[in-house]
PDB file of N, CA and C in Angstrom:
ATOM      1  N   PHE A   1     117.568 103.961 142.776  1.00  0.00           N
ATOM      2  CA  PHE A   1     116.831 105.214 142.619  1.00  0.00           C
ATOM      3  C   PHE A   1     116.839 106.006 143.910  1.00  0.00           C
ATOM      4  N   LYS A   2     117.977 106.326 144.382  1.00  0.00           N
ATOM      5  CA  LYS A   2     118.098 107.165 145.571  1.00  0.00           C
ATOM      6  C   LYS A   2     118.547 108.551 145.132  1.00  0.00           C
ATOM      7  N   GLY A   3     118.442 109.486 146.013  1.00  0.00           N
ATOM      8  CA  GLY A   3     118.882 110.836 145.715  1.00  0.00           C
ATOM      9  C   GLY A   3     117.729 111.745 145.367  1.00  0.00           C
ATOM     10  N   PRO A   4     117.834 112.477 144.232  1.00  0.00           N
ATOM     11  CA  PRO A   4     116.817 113.480 143.910  1.00  0.00           C
ATOM     12  C   PRO A   4     115.457 112.876 143.538  1.00  0.00           C
ATOM     13  N   ILE A   5     115.436 111.601 143.179  1.00  0.00           N
ATOM     14  CA  ILE A   5     114.165 110.970 142.836  1.00  0.00           C
ATOM     15  C   ILE A   5     113.812 109.981 143.944  1.00  0.00           C
ATOM     16  N   ASP A   6     112.897 110.409 144.823  1.00  0.00           N
ATOM     17  CA  ASP A   6     112.442 109.510 145.873  1.00  0.00           C
ATOM     18  C   ASP A   6     111.018 109.884 146.262  1.00  0.00           C
ATOM     19  N   GLY A   7     110.421 109.100 147.099  1.00  0.00           N
ATOM     20  CA  GLY A   7     109.064 109.379 147.568  1.00  0.00           C
ATOM     21  C   GLY A   7     108.066 109.495 146.438  1.00  0.00           C
ATOM     22  N   ASP A   8     107.265 110.566 146.483  1.00  0.00           N
ATOM     23  CA  ASP A   8     106.242 110.787 145.455  1.00  0.00           C
ATOM     24  C   ASP A   8     106.857 110.988 144.071  1.00  0.00           C
ATOM     25  N   ASN A   9     108.015 111.646 144.016  1.00  0.00           N
ATOM     26  CA  ASN A   9     108.670 111.844 142.721  1.00  0.00           C
ATOM     27  C   ASN A   9     109.007 110.501 142.074  1.00  0.00           C
ATOM     28  N   LEU A  10     109.519 109.572 142.869  1.00  0.00           N
ATOM     29  CA  LEU A  10     109.865 108.257 142.346  1.00  0.00           C
ATOM     30  C   LEU A  10     108.616 107.539 141.852  1.00  0.00           C
ATOM     31  N   GLN A  11     107.543 107.637 142.601  1.00  0.00           N
ATOM     32  CA  GLN A  11     106.293 106.990 142.207  1.00  0.00           C
ATOM     33  C   GLN A  11     105.811 107.537 140.866  1.00  0.00           C
ATOM     34  N   HIS A  12     105.848 108.840 140.687  1.00  0.00           N
ATOM     35  CA  HIS A  12     105.402 109.447 139.426  1.00  0.00           C
ATOM     36  C   HIS A  12     106.326 109.083 138.262  1.00  0.00           C
ATOM     37  N   VAL A  13     107.616 109.055 138.515  1.00  0.00           N
ATOM     38  CA  VAL A  13     108.570 108.693 137.469  1.00  0.00           C
ATOM     39  C   VAL A  13     108.354 107.244 137.027  1.00  0.00           C
ATOM     40  N   MET A  14     108.177 106.344 137.989  1.00  0.00           N
ATOM     41  CA  MET A  14     107.987 104.936 137.649  1.00  0.00           C
ATOM     42  C   MET A  14     106.671 104.718 136.910  1.00  0.00           C
ATOM     43  N   MET A  15     105.640 105.447 137.291  1.00  0.00           N
ATOM     44  CA  MET A  15     104.354 105.350 136.585  1.00  0.00           C
ATOM     45  C   MET A  15     104.520 105.828 135.141  1.00  0.00           C
ATOM     46  N   GLU A  16     105.131 106.976 134.966  1.00  0.00           N
ATOM     47  CA  GLU A  16     105.319 107.528 133.621  1.00  0.00           C
ATOM     48  C   GLU A  16     106.202 106.612 132.773  1.00  0.00           C
ATOM     49  N   LEU A  17     107.259 106.104 133.363  1.00  0.00           N
ATOM     50  CA  LEU A  17     108.152 105.197 132.642  1.00  0.00           C
ATOM     51  C   LEU A  17     107.400 103.937 132.219  1.00  0.00           C
ATOM     52  N   GLY A  18     106.621 103.371 133.120  1.00  0.00           N
ATOM     53  CA  GLY A  18     105.875 102.160 132.811  1.00  0.00           C
ATOM     54  C   GLY A  18     104.841 102.367 131.724  1.00  0.00           C
ATOM     55  N   VAL A  19     104.105 103.465 131.804  1.00  0.00           N
ATOM     56  CA  VAL A  19     103.067 103.755 130.810  1.00  0.00           C
ATOM     57  C   VAL A  19     103.690 104.010 129.442  1.00  0.00           C
ATOM     58  N   ARG A  20     104.769 104.760 129.419  1.00  0.00           N
ATOM     59  CA  ARG A  20     105.423 105.045 128.136  1.00  0.00           C
ATOM     60  C   ARG A  20     106.072 103.795 127.535  1.00  0.00           C
ATOM     61  N   PHE A  21     106.660 102.974 128.381  1.00  0.00           N
ATOM     62  CA  PHE A  21     107.253 101.725 127.909  1.00  0.00           C
ATOM     63  C   PHE A  21     106.169 100.827 127.313  1.00  0.00           C
ATOM     64  N   HIS A  22     105.048 100.719 127.984  1.00  0.00           N
ATOM     65  CA  HIS A  22     103.931  99.920 127.483  1.00  0.00           C
ATOM     66  C   HIS A  22     103.463 100.457 126.133  1.00  0.00           C
ATOM     67  N   GLY A  23     103.273 101.754 126.032  1.00  0.00           N
ATOM     68  CA  GLY A  23     102.815 102.355 124.781  1.00  0.00           C
ATOM     69  C   GLY A  23     103.781 102.124 123.636  1.00  0.00           C
ATOM     70  N   ALA A  24     105.062 102.305 123.902  1.00  0.00           N
ATOM     71  CA  ALA A  24     106.075 102.089 122.860  1.00  0.00           C
ATOM     72  C   ALA A  24     106.119 100.619 122.448  1.00  0.00           C
ATOM     73  N   LEU A  25     105.996  99.729 123.412  1.00  0.00           N
ATOM     74  CA  LEU A  25     106.020  98.309 123.112  1.00  0.00           C
ATOM     75  C   LEU A  25     104.807  97.894 122.278  1.00  0.00           C
ATOM     76  N   VAL A  26     103.625  98.370 122.648  1.00  0.00           N
ATOM     77  CA  VAL A  26     102.414  98.043 121.883  1.00  0.00           C
ATOM     78  C   VAL A  26     102.531  98.586 120.460  1.00  0.00           C
ATOM     79  N   ASP A  27     102.965  99.833 120.313  1.00  0.00           N
ATOM     80  CA  ASP A  27     103.138 100.401 118.969  1.00  0.00           C
ATOM     81  C   ASP A  27     104.086  99.545 118.135  1.00  0.00           C
ATOM     82  N   HIS A  28     105.163  99.099 118.741  1.00  0.00           N
ATOM     83  CA  HIS A  28     106.140  98.271 118.035  1.00  0.00           C
ATOM     84  C   HIS A  28     105.537  96.916 117.655  1.00  0.00           C
ATOM     85  N   LEU A  29     104.855  96.275 118.592  1.00  0.00           N
ATOM     86  CA  LEU A  29     104.326  94.935 118.358  1.00  0.00           C
ATOM     87  C   LEU A  29     103.234  94.916 117.296  1.00  0.00           C
ATOM     88  N   LEU A  30     102.484  95.987 117.185  1.00  0.00           N
ATOM     89  CA  LEU A  30     101.392  96.042 116.212  1.00  0.00           C
ATOM     90  C   LEU A  30     101.887  96.174 114.773  1.00  0.00           C
ATOM     91  N   GLN A  31     103.175  96.360 114.587  1.00  0.00           N
ATOM     92  CA  GLN A  31     103.733  96.487 113.246  1.00  0.00           C
ATOM     93  C   GLN A  31     103.950  95.135 112.559  1.00  0.00           C
ATOM     94  N   TYR A  32     103.794  94.042 113.297  1.00  0.00           N
ATOM     95  CA  TYR A  32     104.182  92.731 112.788  1.00  0.00           C
ATOM     96  C   TYR A  32     103.027  91.741 112.756  1.00  0.00           C
ATOM     97  N   GLN A  33     103.207  90.715 111.942  1.00  0.00           N
ATOM     98  CA  GLN A  33     102.341  89.540 111.961  1.00  0.00           C
ATOM     99  C   GLN A  33     103.171  88.429 112.599  1.00  0.00           C
ATOM    100  N   TYR A  34     102.496  87.517 113.303  1.00  0.00           N
ATOM    101  CA  TYR A  34     103.216  86.520 114.081  1.00  0.00           C
ATOM    102  C   TYR A  34     102.858  85.103 113.671  1.00  0.00           C
ATOM    103  N   SER A  35     103.874  84.279 113.517  1.00  0.00           N
ATOM    104  CA  SER A  35     103.677  82.833 113.355  1.00  0.00           C
ATOM    105  C   SER A  35     103.464  82.262 114.757  1.00  0.00           C
ATOM    106  N   ILE A  36     103.131  81.000 114.844  1.00  0.00           N
ATOM    107  CA  ILE A  36     102.969  80.365 116.156  1.00  0.00           C
ATOM    108  C   ILE A  36     104.282  80.424 116.939  1.00  0.00           C
ATOM    109  N   ALA A  37     105.393  80.116 116.280  1.00  0.00           N
ATOM    110  CA  ALA A  37     106.700  80.158 116.956  1.00  0.00           C
ATOM    111  C   ALA A  37     107.021  81.578 117.421  1.00  0.00           C
ATOM    112  N   GLY A  38     106.739  82.551 116.564  1.00  0.00           N
ATOM    113  CA  GLY A  38     106.974  83.940 116.932  1.00  0.00           C
ATOM    114  C   GLY A  38     106.077  84.383 118.082  1.00  0.00           C
ATOM    115  N   ALA A  39     104.837  83.928 118.065  1.00  0.00           N
ATOM    116  CA  ALA A  39     103.897  84.267 119.137  1.00  0.00           C
ATOM    117  C   ALA A  39     104.351  83.678 120.467  1.00  0.00           C
ATOM    118  N   LEU A  40     104.851  82.446 120.426  1.00  0.00           N
ATOM    119  CA  LEU A  40     105.337  81.817 121.659  1.00  0.00           C
ATOM    120  C   LEU A  40     106.541  82.570 122.222  1.00  0.00           C
ATOM    121  N   GLN A  41     107.428  83.017 121.347  1.00  0.00           N
ATOM    122  CA  GLN A  41     108.574  83.803 121.803  1.00  0.00           C
ATOM    123  C   GLN A  41     108.108  85.150 122.365  1.00  0.00           C
ATOM    124  N   LEU A  42     107.146  85.764 121.693  1.00  0.00           N
ATOM    125  CA  LEU A  42     106.602  87.035 122.160  1.00  0.00           C
ATOM    126  C   LEU A  42     105.965  86.881 123.539  1.00  0.00           C
ATOM    127  N   ILE A  43     105.233  85.798 123.748  1.00  0.00           N
ATOM    128  CA  ILE A  43     104.613  85.555 125.051  1.00  0.00           C
ATOM    129  C   ILE A  43     105.679  85.461 126.134  1.00  0.00           C
ATOM    130  N   GLN A  44     106.776  84.793 125.846  1.00  0.00           N
ATOM    131  CA  GLN A  44     107.877  84.705 126.814  1.00  0.00           C
ATOM    132  C   GLN A  44     108.495  86.080 127.076  1.00  0.00           C
ATOM    133  N   ASP A  45     108.696  86.833 126.014  1.00  0.00           N
ATOM    134  CA  ASP A  45     109.285  88.165 126.164  1.00  0.00           C
ATOM    135  C   ASP A  45     108.378  89.078 126.995  1.00  0.00           C
ATOM    136  N   VAL A  46     107.092  89.066 126.693  1.00  0.00           N
ATOM    137  CA  VAL A  46     106.151  89.919 127.433  1.00  0.00           C
ATOM    138  C   VAL A  46     106.093  89.495 128.898  1.00  0.00           C
ATOM    139  N   HIS A  47     106.211  88.193 129.153  1.00  0.00           N
ATOM    140  CA  HIS A  47     106.258  87.713 130.539  1.00  0.00           C
ATOM    141  C   HIS A  47     107.458  88.317 131.268  1.00  0.00           C
ATOM    142  N   GLN A  48     108.596  88.372 130.604  1.00  0.00           N
ATOM    143  CA  GLN A  48     109.787  88.971 131.210  1.00  0.00           C
ATOM    144  C   GLN A  48     109.595  90.475 131.445  1.00  0.00           C
ATOM    145  N   TYR A  49     109.002  91.157 130.470  1.00  0.00           N
ATOM    146  CA  TYR A  49     108.710  92.589 130.653  1.00  0.00           C
ATOM    147  C   TYR A  49     107.780  92.786 131.843  1.00  0.00           C
ATOM    148  N   LYS A  50     106.778  91.919 131.952  1.00  0.00           N
ATOM    149  CA  LYS A  50     105.808  92.012 133.043  1.00  0.00           C
ATOM    150  C   LYS A  50     106.502  91.835 134.391  1.00  0.00           C
ATOM    151  N   GLN A  51     107.419  90.891 134.478  1.00  0.00           N
ATOM    152  CA  GLN A  51     108.176  90.698 135.719  1.00  0.00           C
ATOM    153  C   GLN A  51     109.044  91.911 136.039  1.00  0.00           C
ATOM    154  N   THR A  52     109.623  92.496 135.007  1.00  0.00           N
ATOM    155  CA  THR A  52     110.483  93.658 135.207  1.00  0.00           C
ATOM    156  C   THR A  52     109.693  94.861 135.704  1.00  0.00           C
ATOM    157  N   VAL A  53     108.577  95.171 135.052  1.00  0.00           N
ATOM    158  CA  VAL A  53     107.816  96.359 135.460  1.00  0.00           C
ATOM    159  C   VAL A  53     107.114  96.153 136.795  1.00  0.00           C
ATOM    160  N   HIS A  54     106.981  94.910 137.233  1.00  0.00           N
ATOM    161  CA  HIS A  54     106.397  94.662 138.557  1.00  0.00           C
ATOM    162  C   HIS A  54     107.263  95.299 139.650  1.00  0.00           C
ATOM    163  N   HIS A  55     108.558  95.421 139.383  1.00  0.00           N
ATOM    164  CA  HIS A  55     109.469  96.064 140.334  1.00  0.00           C
ATOM    165  C   HIS A  55     109.208  97.567 140.448  1.00  0.00           C
ATOM    166  N   PHE A  56     108.459  98.126 139.511  1.00  0.00           N
ATOM    167  CA  PHE A  56     108.103  99.546 139.580  1.00  0.00           C
ATOM    168  C   PHE A  56     107.122  99.806 140.717  1.00  0.00           C
ATOM    169  N   LYS A  57     106.430  98.756 141.164  1.00  0.00           N
ATOM    170  CA  LYS A  57     105.455  98.844 142.256  1.00  0.00           C
ATOM    171  C   LYS A  57     104.339  99.831 141.947  1.00  0.00           C
ATOM    172  N   GLU A  58     103.870  99.767 140.700  1.00  0.00           N
ATOM    173  CA  GLU A  58     102.755 100.598 140.245  1.00  0.00           C
ATOM    174  C   GLU A  58     101.646  99.674 139.750  1.00  0.00           C
ATOM    175  N   PRO A  59     100.552  99.557 140.497  1.00  0.00           N
ATOM    176  CA  PRO A  59      99.474  98.641 140.109  1.00  0.00           C
ATOM    177  C   PRO A  59      98.915  98.898 138.707  1.00  0.00           C
ATOM    178  N   PHE A  60      98.812 100.156 138.306  1.00  0.00           N
ATOM    179  CA  PHE A  60      98.285 100.455 136.979  1.00  0.00           C
ATOM    180  C   PHE A  60      99.200  99.904 135.890  1.00  0.00           C
ATOM    181  N   VAL A  61     100.500 100.032 136.071  1.00  0.00           N
ATOM    182  CA  VAL A  61     101.468  99.511 135.102  1.00  0.00           C
ATOM    183  C   VAL A  61     101.379  97.981 135.069  1.00  0.00           C
ATOM    184  N   ASP A  62     101.218  97.367 136.236  1.00  0.00           N
ATOM    185  CA  ASP A  62     101.029  95.910 136.280  1.00  0.00           C
ATOM    186  C   ASP A  62      99.799  95.501 135.479  1.00  0.00           C
ATOM    187  N   GLN A  63      98.719  96.258 135.606  1.00  0.00           N
ATOM    188  CA  GLN A  63      97.490  95.957 134.862  1.00  0.00           C
ATOM    189  C   GLN A  63      97.699  96.095 133.359  1.00  0.00           C
ATOM    190  N   LEU A  64      98.432  97.124 132.948  1.00  0.00           N
ATOM    191  CA  LEU A  64      98.709  97.306 131.523  1.00  0.00           C
ATOM    192  C   LEU A  64      99.438  96.097 130.948  1.00  0.00           C
ATOM    193  N   PHE A  65     100.453  95.639 131.648  1.00  0.00           N
ATOM    194  CA  PHE A  65     101.242  94.526 131.138  1.00  0.00           C
ATOM    195  C   PHE A  65     100.523  93.193 131.281  1.00  0.00           C
ATOM    196  N   GLU A  66      99.642  93.077 132.260  1.00  0.00           N
ATOM    197  CA  GLU A  66      98.814  91.874 132.363  1.00  0.00           C
ATOM    198  C   GLU A  66      97.872  91.806 131.164  1.00  0.00           C
ATOM    199  N   GLY A  67      97.279  92.931 130.801  1.00  0.00           N
ATOM    200  CA  GLY A  67      96.408  92.983 129.627  1.00  0.00           C
ATOM    201  C   GLY A  67      97.160  92.664 128.351  1.00  0.00           C
ATOM    202  N   LEU A  68      98.356  93.206 128.221  1.00  0.00           N
ATOM    203  CA  LEU A  68      99.178  92.915 127.038  1.00  0.00           C
ATOM    204  C   LEU A  68      99.512  91.425 126.970  1.00  0.00           C
ATOM    205  N   SER A  69      99.812  90.843 128.102  1.00  0.00           N
ATOM    206  CA  SER A  69     100.106  89.418 128.156  1.00  0.00           C
ATOM    207  C   SER A  69      98.904  88.594 127.684  1.00  0.00           C
ATOM    208  N   LYS A  70      97.726  88.960 128.125  1.00  0.00           N
ATOM    209  CA  LYS A  70      96.512  88.238 127.715  1.00  0.00           C
ATOM    210  C   LYS A  70      96.229  88.419 126.227  1.00  0.00           C
ATOM    211  N   LEU A  71      96.470  89.608 125.721  1.00  0.00           N
ATOM    212  CA  LEU A  71      96.283  89.823 124.279  1.00  0.00           C
ATOM    213  C   LEU A  71      97.264  88.981 123.470  1.00  0.00           C
ATOM    214  N   CYS A  72      98.491  88.864 123.939  1.00  0.00           N
ATOM    215  CA  CYS A  72      99.482  88.051 123.225  1.00  0.00           C
ATOM    216  C   CYS A  72      99.068  86.582 123.201  1.00  0.00           C
ATOM    217  N   GLN A  73      98.390  86.140 124.244  1.00  0.00           N
ATOM    218  CA  GLN A  73      97.919  84.755 124.282  1.00  0.00           C
ATOM    219  C   GLN A  73      96.938  84.477 123.137  1.00  0.00           C
ATOM    220  N   LEU A  74      96.242  85.510 122.701  1.00  0.00           N
ATOM    221  CA  LEU A  74      95.286  85.339 121.597  1.00  0.00           C
ATOM    222  C   LEU A  74      95.979  84.942 120.296  1.00  0.00           C
ATOM    223  N   LEU A  75      97.261  85.237 120.182  1.00  0.00           N
ATOM    224  CA  LEU A  75      97.994  84.910 118.959  1.00  0.00           C
ATOM    225  C   LEU A  75      98.130  83.415 118.725  1.00  0.00           C
ATOM    226  N   ILE A  76      97.926  82.608 119.774  1.00  0.00           N
ATOM    227  CA  ILE A  76      98.088  81.163 119.618  1.00  0.00           C
ATOM    228  C   ILE A  76      96.758  80.409 119.723  1.00  0.00           C
ATOM    229  N   VAL A  77      95.665  81.152 119.690  1.00  0.00           N
ATOM    230  CA  VAL A  77      94.335  80.550 119.775  1.00  0.00           C
ATOM    231  C   VAL A  77      93.825  80.273 118.364  1.00  0.00           C
ATOM    232  N   GLU A  78      93.155  79.142 118.209  1.00  0.00           N
ATOM    233  CA  GLU A  78      92.551  78.832 116.913  1.00  0.00           C
ATOM    234  C   GLU A  78      91.529  79.910 116.564  1.00  0.00           C
ATOM    235  N   PRO A  79      91.524  80.379 115.312  1.00  0.00           N
ATOM    236  CA  PRO A  79      90.601  81.448 114.916  1.00  0.00           C
ATOM    237  C   PRO A  79      89.138  81.152 115.247  1.00  0.00           C
ATOM    238  N   SER A  80      88.730  79.907 115.148  1.00  0.00           N
ATOM    239  CA  SER A  80      87.326  79.566 115.415  1.00  0.00           C
ATOM    240  C   SER A  80      86.951  79.747 116.885  1.00  0.00           C
ATOM    241  N   LYS A  81      87.933  79.812 117.766  1.00  0.00           N
ATOM    242  CA  LYS A  81      87.664  79.951 119.199  1.00  0.00           C
ATOM    243  C   LYS A  81      87.889  81.363 119.722  1.00  0.00           C
ATOM    244  N   LEU A  82      88.362  82.247 118.869  1.00  0.00           N
ATOM    245  CA  LEU A  82      88.680  83.612 119.301  1.00  0.00           C
ATOM    246  C   LEU A  82      87.474  84.349 119.869  1.00  0.00           C
ATOM    247  N   ARG A  83      86.339  84.275 119.206  1.00  0.00           N
ATOM    248  CA  ARG A  83      85.148  85.019 119.645  1.00  0.00           C
ATOM    249  C   ARG A  83      84.747  84.615 121.062  1.00  0.00           C
ATOM    250  N   ASP A  84      84.740  83.309 121.349  1.00  0.00           N
ATOM    251  CA  ASP A  84      84.365  82.838 122.675  1.00  0.00           C
ATOM    252  C   ASP A  84      85.321  83.366 123.740  1.00  0.00           C
ATOM    253  N   ILE A  85      86.606  83.299 123.458  1.00  0.00           N
ATOM    254  CA  ILE A  85      87.608  83.766 124.419  1.00  0.00           C
ATOM    255  C   ILE A  85      87.523  85.280 124.581  1.00  0.00           C
ATOM    256  N   TRP A  86      87.347  85.979 123.474  1.00  0.00           N
ATOM    257  CA  TRP A  86      87.308  87.440 123.482  1.00  0.00           C
ATOM    258  C   TRP A  86      86.116  87.975 124.274  1.00  0.00           C
ATOM    259  N   ASP A  87      84.987  87.296 124.214  1.00  0.00           N
ATOM    260  CA  ASP A  87      83.770  87.777 124.857  1.00  0.00           C
ATOM    261  C   ASP A  87      83.636  87.370 126.321  1.00  0.00           C
ATOM    262  N   GLU A  88      84.547  86.572 126.828  1.00  0.00           N
ATOM    263  CA  GLU A  88      84.455  86.085 128.203  1.00  0.00           C
ATOM    264  C   GLU A  88      85.605  86.616 129.049  1.00  0.00           C
ATOM    265  N   GLY A  89      85.398  86.618 130.334  1.00  0.00           N
ATOM    266  CA  GLY A  89      86.451  86.925 131.291  1.00  0.00           C
ATOM    267  C   GLY A  89      87.020  88.325 131.164  1.00  0.00           C
ATOM    268  N   SER A  90      88.291  88.443 131.526  1.00  0.00           N
ATOM    269  CA  SER A  90      88.939  89.759 131.581  1.00  0.00           C
ATOM    270  C   SER A  90      89.121  90.379 130.202  1.00  0.00           C
ATOM    271  N   LEU A  91      89.164  89.578 129.158  1.00  0.00           N
ATOM    272  CA  LEU A  91      89.320  90.134 127.815  1.00  0.00           C
ATOM    273  C   LEU A  91      88.067  90.868 127.357  1.00  0.00           C
ATOM    274  N   ALA A  92      86.927  90.572 127.941  1.00  0.00           N
ATOM    275  CA  ALA A  92      85.686  91.256 127.575  1.00  0.00           C
ATOM    276  C   ALA A  92      85.746  92.731 127.941  1.00  0.00           C
ATOM    277  N   LYS A  93      86.643  93.097 128.872  1.00  0.00           N
ATOM    278  CA  LYS A  93      86.772  94.496 129.313  1.00  0.00           C
ATOM    279  C   LYS A  93      87.537  95.356 128.296  1.00  0.00           C
ATOM    280  N   ILE A  94      88.273  94.714 127.414  1.00  0.00           N
ATOM    281  CA  ILE A  94      89.107  95.434 126.458  1.00  0.00           C
ATOM    282  C   ILE A  94      88.253  95.896 125.289  1.00  0.00           C
ATOM    283  N   ASP A  95      88.485  97.124 124.848  1.00  0.00           N
ATOM    284  CA  ASP A  95      87.747  97.677 123.708  1.00  0.00           C
ATOM    285  C   ASP A  95      88.021  96.835 122.464  1.00  0.00           C
ATOM    286  N   HIS A  96      86.959  96.268 121.891  1.00  0.00           N
ATOM    287  CA  HIS A  96      87.119  95.405 120.731  1.00  0.00           C
ATOM    288  C   HIS A  96      87.626  96.157 119.509  1.00  0.00           C
ATOM    289  N   GLY A  97      87.456  97.453 119.458  1.00  0.00           N
ATOM    290  CA  GLY A  97      87.963  98.254 118.367  1.00  0.00           C
ATOM    291  C   GLY A  97      89.462  98.347 118.344  1.00  0.00           C
ATOM    292  N   PHE A  98      90.079  97.932 119.436  1.00  0.00           N
ATOM    293  CA  PHE A  98      91.536  97.999 119.558  1.00  0.00           C
ATOM    294  C   PHE A  98      92.245  97.207 118.478  1.00  0.00           C
ATOM    295  N   LEU A  99      91.697  96.071 118.086  1.00  0.00           N
ATOM    296  CA  LEU A  99      92.367  95.210 117.118  1.00  0.00           C
ATOM    297  C   LEU A  99      91.803  95.309 115.718  1.00  0.00           C
ATOM    298  N   VAL A 100      90.883  96.184 115.488  1.00  0.00           N
ATOM    299  CA  VAL A 100      90.280  96.304 114.144  1.00  0.00           C
ATOM    300  C   VAL A 100      91.135  97.200 113.280  1.00  0.00           C
TER     301      VAL A 100
END
């Protein structure tokens, strides 16, 4: 990313790219239901996306993908334990209406 996109321009481009990528990915992922095997594969894929966007060096984008990673972890939790996990820790910060 050298040339016409550098400095502040590069920072803004990487932020916009990261936010839009996250939004498109979430929209896509919400279209499906997941088996345990599918959820495990999704967790691996999201981990790779998270590593990739970390190179953008945008803390907000890192936070978005960290949150997505934690939400994907919920796909492999026993239903009876979801409420406890959802109400504690960093997941308590997420709007519960998001998944309704």
